[in-house]
């Protein structure tokens, strides 16, 4: 079950200013250690430490492959790739292009594959509005201290 919260777009530059949009109500972020623990509960036959070590190595190798210019596909999850964030407007000519002036940074992209593609998710997912007793409504936090995820800020520009 995917719970959602409604948030009003307050961006003064958006044509959708004042409109309401649904956003997933993220309860927590599961880190590698917790993921390893959960995998052990599913009778993998490996200890939590072994699974955690394997996942840690997998993350390192995925990063290595991405930095070598390769995409990494994990079946029924995602194709991971790197993208380049160019500055607005670009360079006027190839000779005028420079990394410092025209590239803002590199970003990680993930495109769903197999069972996680949007068409499949739409068939399997059920949605429910988050109730007032969610962690966020109580003034709680979704950050488990391990970085990433749990961002429940309002819409920027839907």
N, C-alpha and C. Protein backbone atom coordinates (compact mmCIF):
# COMPACT_ATOMS: atom_id res chain seq x y z
N UNK A 1 0.84 -1.17 0.00
CA UNK A 1 0.00 0.00 0.00
C UNK A 1 0.89 1.24 0.00
N UNK A 2 0.66 2.12 -0.92
CA UNK A 2 1.40 3.37 -1.00
C UNK A 2 0.53 4.48 -0.42
N UNK A 3 1.00 5.07 0.68
CA UNK A 3 0.24 6.18 1.24
C UNK A 3 0.80 7.48 0.67
N UNK A 4 -0.08 8.46 0.54
CA UNK A 4 0.34 9.73 -0.04
C UNK A 4 -0.16 10.89 0.80
N UNK A 5 0.50 12.02 0.62
CA UNK A 5 0.08 13.27 1.24
C UNK A 5 -0.19 14.27 0.12
N UNK A 6 -1.11 15.18 0.35
CA UNK A 6 -1.40 16.23 -0.62
C UNK A 6 -0.65 17.49 -0.24
N UNK A 7 -0.03 18.12 -1.23
CA UNK A 7 0.72 19.35 -0.99
C UNK A 7 0.34 20.36 -2.05
N UNK A 8 0.22 21.60 -1.61
CA UNK A 8 -0.14 22.67 -2.52
C UNK A 8 1.11 23.28 -3.14
N UNK A 9 1.08 23.48 -4.44
CA UNK A 9 2.19 24.11 -5.15
C UNK A 9 2.19 25.60 -4.80
N UNK A 10 3.27 26.05 -4.18
CA UNK A 10 3.36 27.46 -3.77
C UNK A 10 4.42 28.21 -4.57
N UNK A 11 4.88 27.60 -5.67
CA UNK A 11 5.89 28.22 -6.51
C UNK A 11 5.24 29.36 -7.30
N UNK A 12 5.64 30.61 -7.05
CA UNK A 12 4.98 31.74 -7.72
C UNK A 12 5.21 31.77 -9.23
N UNK A 13 6.20 31.03 -9.73
CA UNK A 13 6.51 31.03 -11.16
C UNK A 13 5.86 29.87 -11.91
N UNK A 14 5.15 29.02 -11.22
CA UNK A 14 4.54 27.84 -11.84
C UNK A 14 3.13 28.14 -12.34
N UNK A 15 2.78 27.58 -13.49
CA UNK A 15 1.41 27.73 -13.99
C UNK A 15 0.44 26.92 -13.13
N UNK A 16 0.97 26.02 -12.32
CA UNK A 16 0.14 25.19 -11.43
C UNK A 16 0.08 25.74 -10.01
N UNK A 17 0.55 26.99 -9.80
CA UNK A 17 0.54 27.57 -8.45
C UNK A 17 -0.87 27.49 -7.87
N UNK A 18 -0.95 27.01 -6.63
CA UNK A 18 -2.23 26.90 -5.93
C UNK A 18 -2.89 25.54 -6.10
N UNK A 19 -2.45 24.76 -7.10
CA UNK A 19 -3.02 23.43 -7.30
C UNK A 19 -2.42 22.43 -6.32
N UNK A 20 -3.14 21.34 -6.10
CA UNK A 20 -2.72 20.32 -5.14
C UNK A 20 -2.22 19.09 -5.88
N UNK A 21 -1.16 18.46 -5.31
CA UNK A 21 -0.54 17.30 -5.91
C UNK A 21 -0.27 16.23 -4.85
N UNK A 22 -0.35 14.97 -5.26
CA UNK A 22 -0.06 13.85 -4.36
C UNK A 22 1.43 13.53 -4.40
N UNK A 23 1.99 13.27 -3.22
CA UNK A 23 3.38 12.85 -3.08
C UNK A 23 3.42 11.65 -2.15
N UNK A 24 4.33 10.69 -2.42
CA UNK A 24 4.40 9.52 -1.54
C UNK A 24 4.77 9.93 -0.12
N UNK A 25 4.15 9.30 0.86
CA UNK A 25 4.44 9.54 2.27
C UNK A 25 5.52 8.54 2.68
N UNK A 26 6.77 8.98 2.64
CA UNK A 26 7.91 8.10 2.92
C UNK A 26 8.06 7.94 4.43
N UNK A 27 7.99 6.71 4.89
CA UNK A 27 8.04 6.42 6.33
C UNK A 27 9.47 6.33 6.85
N UNK A 28 10.37 5.75 6.07
CA UNK A 28 11.76 5.64 6.49
C UNK A 28 12.59 5.26 5.28
N UNK A 29 13.90 5.36 5.43
CA UNK A 29 14.84 4.91 4.42
C UNK A 29 15.54 3.68 4.96
N UNK A 30 15.53 2.61 4.18
CA UNK A 30 16.17 1.36 4.59
C UNK A 30 17.60 1.37 4.07
N UNK A 31 18.58 1.24 4.99
CA UNK A 31 19.98 1.24 4.58
C UNK A 31 20.45 -0.18 4.25
N UNK A 32 21.70 -0.33 3.83
CA UNK A 32 22.21 -1.65 3.42
C UNK A 32 22.17 -2.66 4.55
N UNK A 33 22.49 -2.24 5.76
CA UNK A 33 22.47 -3.16 6.89
C UNK A 33 21.07 -3.71 7.14
N UNK A 34 20.08 -2.85 7.10
CA UNK A 34 18.69 -3.29 7.29
C UNK A 34 18.23 -4.16 6.12
N UNK A 35 18.65 -3.81 4.92
CA UNK A 35 18.31 -4.61 3.75
C UNK A 35 18.89 -6.02 3.88
N UNK A 36 20.14 -6.11 4.36
CA UNK A 36 20.77 -7.41 4.57
C UNK A 36 20.00 -8.21 5.62
N UNK A 37 19.59 -7.55 6.69
CA UNK A 37 18.80 -8.21 7.74
C UNK A 37 17.48 -8.75 7.18
N UNK A 38 16.81 -7.93 6.38
CA UNK A 38 15.53 -8.36 5.79
C UNK A 38 15.73 -9.52 4.83
N UNK A 39 16.82 -9.49 4.08
CA UNK A 39 17.09 -10.59 3.15
C UNK A 39 17.33 -11.89 3.90
N UNK A 40 17.99 -11.83 5.03
CA UNK A 40 18.23 -13.03 5.84
C UNK A 40 16.92 -13.62 6.35
N UNK A 41 15.95 -12.76 6.62
CA UNK A 41 14.64 -13.23 7.08
C UNK A 41 13.87 -13.95 5.98
N UNK A 42 14.30 -13.78 4.74
CA UNK A 42 13.66 -14.44 3.61
C UNK A 42 14.40 -15.71 3.21
N UNK A 43 15.09 -16.33 4.16
CA UNK A 43 15.75 -17.63 3.98
C UNK A 43 16.74 -17.64 2.82
N UNK A 44 17.65 -16.68 2.80
CA UNK A 44 18.66 -16.66 1.75
C UNK A 44 19.73 -17.72 1.98
N UNK A 45 19.87 -18.19 3.20
CA UNK A 45 20.91 -19.17 3.49
C UNK A 45 22.24 -18.52 3.83
N UNK A 46 22.28 -17.22 3.86
CA UNK A 46 23.51 -16.50 4.18
C UNK A 46 23.29 -15.67 5.43
N UNK A 47 24.39 -15.40 6.14
CA UNK A 47 24.29 -14.57 7.34
C UNK A 47 24.09 -13.11 6.95
N UNK A 48 23.64 -12.33 7.92
CA UNK A 48 23.46 -10.89 7.69
C UNK A 48 24.78 -10.26 7.27
N UNK A 49 25.86 -10.66 7.91
CA UNK A 49 27.18 -10.11 7.59
C UNK A 49 27.61 -10.44 6.17
N UNK A 50 27.35 -11.67 5.74
CA UNK A 50 27.72 -12.07 4.38
C UNK A 50 26.91 -11.28 3.35
N UNK A 51 25.61 -11.15 3.60
CA UNK A 51 24.75 -10.41 2.68
C UNK A 51 25.15 -8.94 2.67
N UNK A 52 25.42 -8.37 3.84
CA UNK A 52 25.82 -6.97 3.93
C UNK A 52 27.13 -6.74 3.16
N UNK A 53 28.06 -7.66 3.32
CA UNK A 53 29.33 -7.56 2.59
C UNK A 53 29.13 -7.62 1.09
N UNK A 54 28.28 -8.52 0.65
CA UNK A 54 27.98 -8.67 -0.77
C UNK A 54 27.34 -7.39 -1.32
N UNK A 55 26.36 -6.85 -0.59
CA UNK A 55 25.69 -5.63 -1.03
C UNK A 55 26.65 -4.44 -1.06
N UNK A 56 27.52 -4.35 -0.06
CA UNK A 56 28.50 -3.27 -0.01
C UNK A 56 29.44 -3.34 -1.21
N UNK A 57 29.91 -4.56 -1.52
CA UNK A 57 30.77 -4.74 -2.70
C UNK A 57 30.01 -4.42 -3.98
N UNK A 58 28.73 -4.79 -4.05
CA UNK A 58 27.93 -4.52 -5.23
C UNK A 58 27.82 -3.02 -5.48
N UNK A 59 27.58 -2.26 -4.42
CA UNK A 59 27.48 -0.80 -4.55
C UNK A 59 28.79 -0.23 -5.08
N UNK A 60 29.90 -0.70 -4.54
CA UNK A 60 31.21 -0.22 -4.96
C UNK A 60 31.46 -0.54 -6.44
N UNK A 61 31.10 -1.74 -6.86
CA UNK A 61 31.33 -2.14 -8.25
C UNK A 61 30.40 -1.40 -9.20
N UNK A 62 29.16 -1.16 -8.79
CA UNK A 62 28.24 -0.39 -9.62
C UNK A 62 28.80 1.02 -9.84
N UNK A 63 29.29 1.64 -8.76
CA UNK A 63 29.88 2.98 -8.88
C UNK A 63 31.08 2.95 -9.83
N UNK A 64 31.93 1.95 -9.67
CA UNK A 64 33.11 1.81 -10.53
C UNK A 64 32.70 1.69 -12.01
N UNK A 65 31.71 0.85 -12.29
CA UNK A 65 31.26 0.65 -13.67
C UNK A 65 30.65 1.93 -14.25
N UNK A 66 29.87 2.64 -13.45
CA UNK A 66 29.27 3.89 -13.90
C UNK A 66 30.34 4.92 -14.25
N UNK A 67 31.36 5.02 -13.41
CA UNK A 67 32.44 5.98 -13.64
C UNK A 67 33.30 5.61 -14.84
N UNK A 68 33.20 4.34 -15.30
CA UNK A 68 33.88 3.91 -16.52
C UNK A 68 33.01 4.12 -17.75
N UNK A 69 31.86 4.76 -17.58
CA UNK A 69 30.99 5.06 -18.70
C UNK A 69 30.03 3.95 -19.08
N UNK A 70 29.82 3.00 -18.20
CA UNK A 70 28.91 1.89 -18.48
C UNK A 70 27.61 2.08 -17.72
N UNK A 71 26.52 1.57 -18.28
CA UNK A 71 25.26 1.48 -17.56
C UNK A 71 25.24 0.16 -16.83
N UNK A 72 24.52 0.09 -15.72
CA UNK A 72 24.40 -1.16 -14.96
C UNK A 72 22.93 -1.49 -14.83
N UNK A 73 22.57 -2.69 -15.30
CA UNK A 73 21.17 -3.14 -15.25
C UNK A 73 21.02 -4.22 -14.20
N UNK A 74 20.10 -4.00 -13.27
CA UNK A 74 19.71 -5.02 -12.31
C UNK A 74 18.29 -5.40 -12.69
N UNK A 75 18.13 -6.63 -13.17
CA UNK A 75 16.84 -7.08 -13.70
C UNK A 75 15.71 -6.84 -12.70
N UNK A 76 14.57 -6.43 -13.21
CA UNK A 76 13.36 -6.16 -12.43
C UNK A 76 13.55 -5.08 -11.37
N UNK A 77 14.57 -4.26 -11.53
CA UNK A 77 14.78 -3.12 -10.63
C UNK A 77 15.00 -1.86 -11.46
N UNK A 78 16.23 -1.69 -11.96
CA UNK A 78 16.52 -0.46 -12.69
C UNK A 78 17.78 -0.60 -13.53
N UNK A 79 17.89 0.30 -14.51
CA UNK A 79 19.14 0.50 -15.23
C UNK A 79 19.73 1.78 -14.66
N UNK A 80 20.91 1.67 -14.09
CA UNK A 80 21.58 2.81 -13.49
C UNK A 80 22.53 3.41 -14.53
N UNK A 81 22.54 4.72 -14.63
CA UNK A 81 23.43 5.40 -15.56
C UNK A 81 23.77 6.78 -14.99
N UNK A 82 24.78 7.38 -15.58
CA UNK A 82 25.14 8.74 -15.19
C UNK A 82 24.66 9.71 -16.25
N UNK A 83 24.25 10.87 -15.82
CA UNK A 83 23.85 11.93 -16.73
C UNK A 83 24.66 13.17 -16.44
N UNK A 84 24.74 14.04 -17.42
CA UNK A 84 25.47 15.30 -17.26
C UNK A 84 24.46 16.43 -17.19
N UNK A 85 24.59 17.26 -16.18
CA UNK A 85 23.71 18.43 -16.06
C UNK A 85 24.43 19.62 -16.67
N UNK A 86 23.93 20.04 -17.83
CA UNK A 86 24.51 21.17 -18.55
C UNK A 86 23.95 22.48 -18.02
N UNK A 87 24.71 23.55 -18.19
CA UNK A 87 24.20 24.86 -17.82
C UNK A 87 23.11 25.27 -18.81
N UNK A 88 22.23 26.12 -18.36
CA UNK A 88 21.12 26.57 -19.19
C UNK A 88 21.67 27.34 -20.40
N UNK A 89 21.17 27.02 -21.56
CA UNK A 89 21.58 27.73 -22.77
C UNK A 89 22.73 27.08 -23.52
N UNK A 90 23.57 26.32 -22.84
CA UNK A 90 24.68 25.66 -23.52
C UNK A 90 25.72 26.63 -24.06
N UNK A 91 26.65 26.08 -24.83
CA UNK A 91 27.71 26.88 -25.45
C UNK A 91 27.26 27.30 -26.84
N UNK A 92 27.68 28.48 -27.28
CA UNK A 92 27.31 29.00 -28.61
C UNK A 92 27.99 28.21 -29.73
N UNK A 93 29.15 27.64 -29.43
CA UNK A 93 29.87 26.84 -30.43
C UNK A 93 30.67 25.77 -29.71
N UNK A 94 31.16 24.80 -30.47
CA UNK A 94 31.98 23.74 -29.88
C UNK A 94 33.26 24.34 -29.30
N UNK A 95 33.83 25.33 -29.99
CA UNK A 95 35.05 25.98 -29.52
C UNK A 95 34.82 26.76 -28.22
N UNK A 96 33.61 27.26 -28.02
CA UNK A 96 33.26 28.05 -26.84
C UNK A 96 32.96 27.17 -25.62
N UNK A 97 32.80 25.87 -25.84
CA UNK A 97 32.43 24.96 -24.75
C UNK A 97 33.61 24.72 -23.81
N UNK A 98 33.32 24.77 -22.49
CA UNK A 98 34.31 24.35 -21.49
C UNK A 98 33.57 23.66 -20.35
N UNK A 99 34.22 22.70 -19.76
CA UNK A 99 33.62 21.96 -18.65
C UNK A 99 33.25 22.90 -17.52
N UNK A 100 34.12 23.81 -17.18
CA UNK A 100 33.88 24.73 -16.07
C UNK A 100 32.67 25.61 -16.32
N UNK A 101 32.54 26.14 -17.53
CA UNK A 101 31.44 27.06 -17.85
C UNK A 101 30.13 26.36 -18.18
N UNK A 102 30.20 25.16 -18.75
CA UNK A 102 29.00 24.57 -19.34
C UNK A 102 28.47 23.31 -18.67
N UNK A 103 29.17 22.79 -17.69
CA UNK A 103 28.67 21.59 -17.00
C UNK A 103 28.50 21.91 -15.52
N UNK A 104 27.28 21.72 -15.03
CA UNK A 104 26.99 21.97 -13.61
C UNK A 104 27.34 20.78 -12.74
N UNK A 105 27.27 19.59 -13.29
CA UNK A 105 27.59 18.41 -12.50
C UNK A 105 27.16 17.13 -13.18
N UNK A 106 27.38 16.04 -12.46
CA UNK A 106 27.01 14.71 -12.92
C UNK A 106 25.94 14.19 -11.98
N UNK A 107 24.95 13.49 -12.53
CA UNK A 107 23.87 12.97 -11.70
C UNK A 107 23.66 11.49 -11.97
N UNK A 108 23.17 10.80 -10.96
CA UNK A 108 22.83 9.38 -11.09
C UNK A 108 21.39 9.27 -11.56
N UNK A 109 21.19 8.43 -12.56
CA UNK A 109 19.83 8.18 -13.07
C UNK A 109 19.51 6.71 -12.86
N UNK A 110 18.24 6.43 -12.63
CA UNK A 110 17.76 5.05 -12.51
C UNK A 110 16.45 4.95 -13.28
N UNK A 111 16.42 4.07 -14.27
CA UNK A 111 15.21 3.82 -15.06
C UNK A 111 14.68 2.45 -14.69
N UNK A 112 13.45 2.39 -14.29
CA UNK A 112 12.84 1.12 -13.87
C UNK A 112 12.84 0.11 -15.01
N UNK A 113 13.02 -1.17 -14.65
CA UNK A 113 12.99 -2.25 -15.64
C UNK A 113 12.09 -3.38 -15.15
N UNK A 114 11.69 -4.21 -16.07
CA UNK A 114 10.94 -5.43 -15.74
C UNK A 114 9.71 -5.17 -14.90
N UNK A 115 9.65 -5.81 -13.75
CA UNK A 115 8.49 -5.74 -12.87
C UNK A 115 8.27 -4.35 -12.26
N UNK A 116 9.27 -3.50 -12.33
CA UNK A 116 9.14 -2.16 -11.74
C UNK A 116 8.78 -1.07 -12.75
N UNK A 117 8.53 -1.43 -14.00
CA UNK A 117 8.15 -0.40 -14.95
C UNK A 117 6.80 0.18 -14.56
N UNK A 118 6.56 1.40 -14.95
CA UNK A 118 5.35 2.12 -14.54
C UNK A 118 4.08 1.35 -14.85
N UNK A 119 4.00 0.73 -16.02
CA UNK A 119 2.80 -0.01 -16.41
C UNK A 119 2.51 -1.12 -15.40
N UNK A 120 3.54 -1.86 -14.99
CA UNK A 120 3.36 -2.94 -14.01
C UNK A 120 3.02 -2.39 -12.63
N UNK A 121 3.69 -1.32 -12.23
CA UNK A 121 3.42 -0.73 -10.92
C UNK A 121 1.99 -0.22 -10.83
N UNK A 122 1.50 0.39 -11.90
CA UNK A 122 0.13 0.89 -11.89
C UNK A 122 -0.88 -0.23 -11.68
N UNK A 123 -0.57 -1.43 -12.15
CA UNK A 123 -1.48 -2.56 -11.98
C UNK A 123 -1.42 -3.13 -10.56
N UNK A 124 -0.24 -3.05 -9.93
CA UNK A 124 -0.04 -3.67 -8.62
C UNK A 124 -0.24 -2.73 -7.44
N UNK A 125 0.06 -1.46 -7.62
CA UNK A 125 0.04 -0.52 -6.50
C UNK A 125 -1.38 -0.11 -6.14
N UNK A 126 -1.60 0.01 -4.86
CA UNK A 126 -2.85 0.60 -4.39
C UNK A 126 -2.48 1.83 -3.56
N UNK A 127 -3.27 2.86 -3.69
CA UNK A 127 -2.96 4.13 -3.04
C UNK A 127 -3.95 4.44 -1.93
N UNK A 128 -3.45 5.08 -0.88
CA UNK A 128 -4.30 5.47 0.24
C UNK A 128 -3.76 6.78 0.80
N UNK A 129 -4.64 7.72 1.05
CA UNK A 129 -4.21 8.99 1.63
C UNK A 129 -3.68 8.75 3.03
N UNK A 130 -2.51 9.35 3.32
CA UNK A 130 -1.92 9.22 4.65
C UNK A 130 -2.83 9.88 5.67
N UNK A 131 -2.95 9.24 6.82
CA UNK A 131 -3.81 9.79 7.87
C UNK A 131 -3.04 10.73 8.76
N UNK A 132 -3.73 11.42 9.61
CA UNK A 132 -3.12 12.41 10.49
C UNK A 132 -2.15 11.79 11.48
N UNK A 133 -2.18 10.48 11.66
CA UNK A 133 -1.29 9.88 12.65
C UNK A 133 0.01 9.37 12.04
N UNK A 134 0.36 9.82 10.84
CA UNK A 134 1.64 9.42 10.27
C UNK A 134 2.76 10.10 11.03
N UNK A 135 3.95 9.59 10.87
CA UNK A 135 5.12 10.13 11.54
C UNK A 135 5.33 11.60 11.19
N UNK A 136 5.13 11.96 9.95
CA UNK A 136 5.33 13.35 9.53
C UNK A 136 4.32 14.26 10.22
N UNK A 137 3.07 13.84 10.29
CA UNK A 137 2.04 14.67 10.90
C UNK A 137 2.33 14.92 12.37
N UNK A 138 3.04 14.00 13.01
CA UNK A 138 3.37 14.15 14.42
C UNK A 138 4.62 15.01 14.62
N UNK A 139 5.16 15.52 13.50
CA UNK A 139 6.37 16.33 13.61
C UNK A 139 7.61 15.47 13.65
N UNK A 140 7.48 14.20 13.30
CA UNK A 140 8.62 13.30 13.29
C UNK A 140 9.47 13.51 12.06
N UNK A 141 10.45 12.67 11.90
CA UNK A 141 11.35 12.77 10.77
C UNK A 141 11.40 11.45 10.03
N UNK A 142 11.78 11.51 8.77
CA UNK A 142 11.92 10.29 8.00
C UNK A 142 13.39 9.94 7.81
N UNK A 143 14.30 10.77 8.30
CA UNK A 143 15.71 10.52 8.12
C UNK A 143 16.21 9.59 9.21
N UNK A 144 16.80 8.47 8.76
CA UNK A 144 17.32 7.51 9.74
C UNK A 144 18.79 7.78 10.06
N UNK A 145 19.30 8.89 9.60
CA UNK A 145 20.69 9.24 9.88
C UNK A 145 21.67 8.65 8.89
N UNK A 146 21.18 7.90 7.89
CA UNK A 146 22.07 7.28 6.93
C UNK A 146 22.09 8.02 5.60
N UNK A 147 21.49 9.18 5.54
CA UNK A 147 21.51 10.00 4.35
C UNK A 147 20.53 9.55 3.29
N UNK A 148 20.02 10.47 2.54
CA UNK A 148 19.15 10.18 1.41
C UNK A 148 17.75 9.82 1.81
N UNK A 149 16.82 10.05 0.88
CA UNK A 149 15.43 9.62 1.07
C UNK A 149 14.71 10.42 2.13
N UNK A 150 13.43 10.18 2.21
CA UNK A 150 12.63 10.79 3.26
C UNK A 150 12.36 12.26 3.05
N UNK A 151 12.54 12.75 1.83
CA UNK A 151 12.32 14.17 1.59
C UNK A 151 10.83 14.42 1.39
N UNK A 152 10.22 15.12 2.30
CA UNK A 152 8.81 15.42 2.20
C UNK A 152 8.56 16.91 2.06
N UNK A 153 9.49 17.59 1.39
CA UNK A 153 9.31 19.02 1.14
C UNK A 153 8.20 19.20 0.12
N UNK A 154 7.64 20.39 0.06
CA UNK A 154 6.56 20.68 -0.88
C UNK A 154 7.05 20.66 -2.32
N UNK A 155 6.10 20.70 -3.25
CA UNK A 155 6.46 20.64 -4.65
C UNK A 155 7.22 21.89 -5.08
N UNK A 156 8.18 21.67 -5.95
CA UNK A 156 8.95 22.79 -6.46
C UNK A 156 8.34 23.27 -7.77
N UNK A 157 8.20 22.37 -8.72
CA UNK A 157 7.63 22.76 -10.01
C UNK A 157 7.04 21.53 -10.68
N UNK A 158 5.90 21.06 -10.23
CA UNK A 158 5.34 19.83 -10.79
C UNK A 158 4.97 19.98 -12.25
